[in-house]
């Protein structure tokens, strides 16, 4: 129906995330890698192959897709599990993912309100930023 927004769920493991998080690098992935060599005669040889490990960035901004502090803490716990693999539901797509801890910080968030002192006990405060994952 025109003008009607269809609800879409975004869920990582057991954590339901804001449904307006953006998969900002969705179109950057081709699933292939290639290397090129030049022959002595000037020709080109292309070596191409399929690859795995699609990076997935789930991004929010100061104006949308806020995470609660409780969600951020739960995500940090998940990211701290060595070898942890989780199910990501993004709308009608399903991915098996892990946190990209090699691309630190894997959970790169900032508080919505800039304050000199932050209350780390308030689970209802809001954050925005990027959750960095990799498909496995």
Protein backbone atom coordinates (compact mmCIF):
# COMPACT_ATOMS: atom_id res chain seq x y z
CA UNK A 1 0.00 0.00 0.00
CA UNK A 2 1.35 3.36 -0.96
CA UNK A 3 2.75 5.43 1.89
CA UNK A 4 2.43 2.60 4.41
CA UNK A 5 5.65 1.55 6.14
CA UNK A 6 5.97 -2.18 6.55
CA UNK A 7 7.38 -3.20 9.93
CA UNK A 8 10.68 -4.94 9.71
CA UNK A 9 12.36 -6.71 12.54
CA UNK A 10 16.06 -6.50 13.31
CA UNK A 11 17.23 -9.01 15.87
CA UNK A 12 20.71 -10.18 16.86
CA UNK A 13 20.68 -13.33 18.95
CA UNK A 14 18.00 -12.66 21.57
CA UNK A 15 18.27 -8.88 21.36
CA UNK A 16 15.61 -7.04 19.39
CA UNK A 17 17.26 -3.96 17.88
CA UNK A 18 15.70 -0.75 16.56
CA UNK A 19 13.97 -1.47 13.24
CA UNK A 20 15.48 1.61 11.62
CA UNK A 21 19.13 0.53 11.90
CA UNK A 22 20.75 0.82 8.47
CA UNK A 23 22.82 -1.97 6.91
CA UNK A 24 25.07 0.76 5.51
CA UNK A 25 27.54 -1.42 3.59
CA UNK A 26 24.92 -3.74 2.03
CA UNK A 27 25.86 -2.95 -1.58
CA UNK A 28 29.63 -3.06 -1.06
CA UNK A 29 29.80 -6.87 -1.03
CA UNK A 30 30.23 -8.94 -4.19
CA UNK A 31 31.31 -12.26 -2.70
CA UNK A 32 34.41 -12.38 -4.88
CA UNK A 33 38.04 -11.38 -4.71
CA UNK A 34 40.38 -10.90 -7.64
CA UNK A 35 44.05 -10.33 -8.31
CA UNK A 36 45.54 -9.21 -11.61
CA UNK A 37 48.95 -10.06 -13.06
CA UNK A 38 50.45 -8.72 -16.24
CA UNK A 39 52.23 -11.10 -18.59
CA UNK A 40 55.57 -10.29 -20.23
CA UNK A 41 53.75 -9.68 -23.48
CA UNK A 42 51.51 -7.07 -21.82
CA UNK A 43 48.39 -9.23 -21.48
CA UNK A 44 46.35 -9.43 -18.30
CA UNK A 45 45.66 -12.55 -16.25
CA UNK A 46 42.82 -12.28 -13.73
CA UNK A 47 42.58 -14.68 -10.82
CA UNK A 48 39.11 -14.58 -9.26
CA UNK A 49 37.46 -16.66 -6.60
CA UNK A 50 34.48 -16.67 -4.28
CA UNK A 51 35.13 -15.46 -0.75
CA UNK A 52 33.24 -15.52 2.53
CA UNK A 53 33.23 -13.17 5.47
CA UNK A 54 30.83 -10.47 4.38
CA UNK A 55 31.17 -7.42 6.66
CA UNK A 56 27.88 -6.12 8.04
CA UNK A 57 27.63 -2.65 9.61
CA UNK A 58 24.39 -1.86 11.42
CA UNK A 59 24.36 1.90 11.83
CA UNK A 60 22.26 4.38 13.74
CA UNK A 61 22.64 8.13 14.03
CA UNK A 62 21.90 10.82 16.60
CA UNK A 63 18.51 11.25 14.90
CA UNK A 64 17.40 7.62 14.52
CA UNK A 65 17.96 3.99 15.58
CA UNK A 66 18.81 4.58 19.21
CA UNK A 67 20.00 1.73 21.41
CA UNK A 68 19.25 1.63 25.14
CA UNK A 69 22.15 1.24 27.52
CA UNK A 70 20.74 -2.19 28.42
CA UNK A 71 20.99 -3.21 24.73
CA UNK A 72 24.56 -1.85 24.49
CA UNK A 73 25.60 -3.84 27.58
CA UNK A 74 24.01 -7.01 26.20
CA UNK A 75 25.79 -6.49 22.85
CA UNK A 76 29.11 -6.01 24.67
CA UNK A 77 28.53 -9.28 26.52
CA UNK A 78 27.84 -11.07 23.24
CA UNK A 79 30.93 -9.55 21.62
CA UNK A 80 33.03 -10.81 24.54
CA UNK A 81 32.17 -14.46 23.89
CA UNK A 82 35.18 -16.09 22.23
CA UNK A 83 34.01 -17.82 19.04
CA UNK A 84 30.46 -16.52 19.52
CA UNK A 85 28.25 -16.88 16.43
CA UNK A 86 24.76 -15.38 16.41
CA UNK A 87 21.70 -15.28 14.20
CA UNK A 88 20.98 -11.88 12.69
CA UNK A 89 17.50 -11.27 11.36
CA UNK A 90 17.39 -8.16 9.20
CA UNK A 91 13.90 -7.81 7.79
CA UNK A 92 13.31 -10.93 5.72
CA UNK A 93 17.02 -11.88 5.58
CA UNK A 94 18.83 -14.25 7.90
CA UNK A 95 22.59 -14.24 8.53
CA UNK A 96 24.95 -16.17 10.82
CA UNK A 97 27.36 -13.56 12.17
CA UNK A 98 30.12 -12.88 14.63
CA UNK A 99 31.33 -9.56 16.01
CA UNK A 100 34.26 -8.02 14.10
CA UNK A 101 36.47 -7.71 17.16
CA UNK A 102 39.50 -7.38 14.87
CA UNK A 103 38.00 -4.08 13.66
CA UNK A 104 37.79 -2.54 17.14
CA UNK A 105 35.61 -1.26 18.53
CA UNK A 106 33.08 -3.85 17.38
CA UNK A 107 30.35 -1.83 19.11
CA UNK A 108 31.14 1.80 18.39
CA UNK A 109 28.50 3.87 20.20
CA UNK A 110 28.14 7.31 21.76
CA UNK A 111 25.49 8.67 24.14
CA UNK A 112 22.73 10.75 22.58
CA UNK A 113 23.20 13.43 25.23
CA UNK A 114 26.69 14.87 25.59
CA UNK A 115 27.36 14.96 29.31
CA UNK A 116 30.60 15.48 31.22
CA UNK A 117 29.69 12.62 33.59
CA UNK A 118 27.69 9.60 32.51
CA UNK A 119 25.40 7.51 34.73
CA UNK A 120 26.44 3.91 34.00
CA UNK A 121 23.55 2.52 36.04
CA UNK A 122 20.73 3.98 33.92
CA UNK A 123 19.68 1.25 31.45
CA UNK A 124 17.19 3.62 29.81
CA UNK A 125 19.75 6.12 28.49
CA UNK A 126 20.16 6.10 24.71
CA UNK A 127 23.12 5.59 22.40
CA UNK A 128 23.77 5.66 18.67
CA UNK A 129 26.55 4.31 16.49
CA UNK A 130 27.64 1.21 14.59
CA UNK A 131 27.56 -2.51 15.35
CA UNK A 132 30.27 -4.24 13.29
CA UNK A 133 29.56 -7.85 12.33
CA UNK A 134 30.86 -10.42 9.85
CA UNK A 135 28.88 -13.16 8.16
CA UNK A 136 30.27 -16.65 8.83
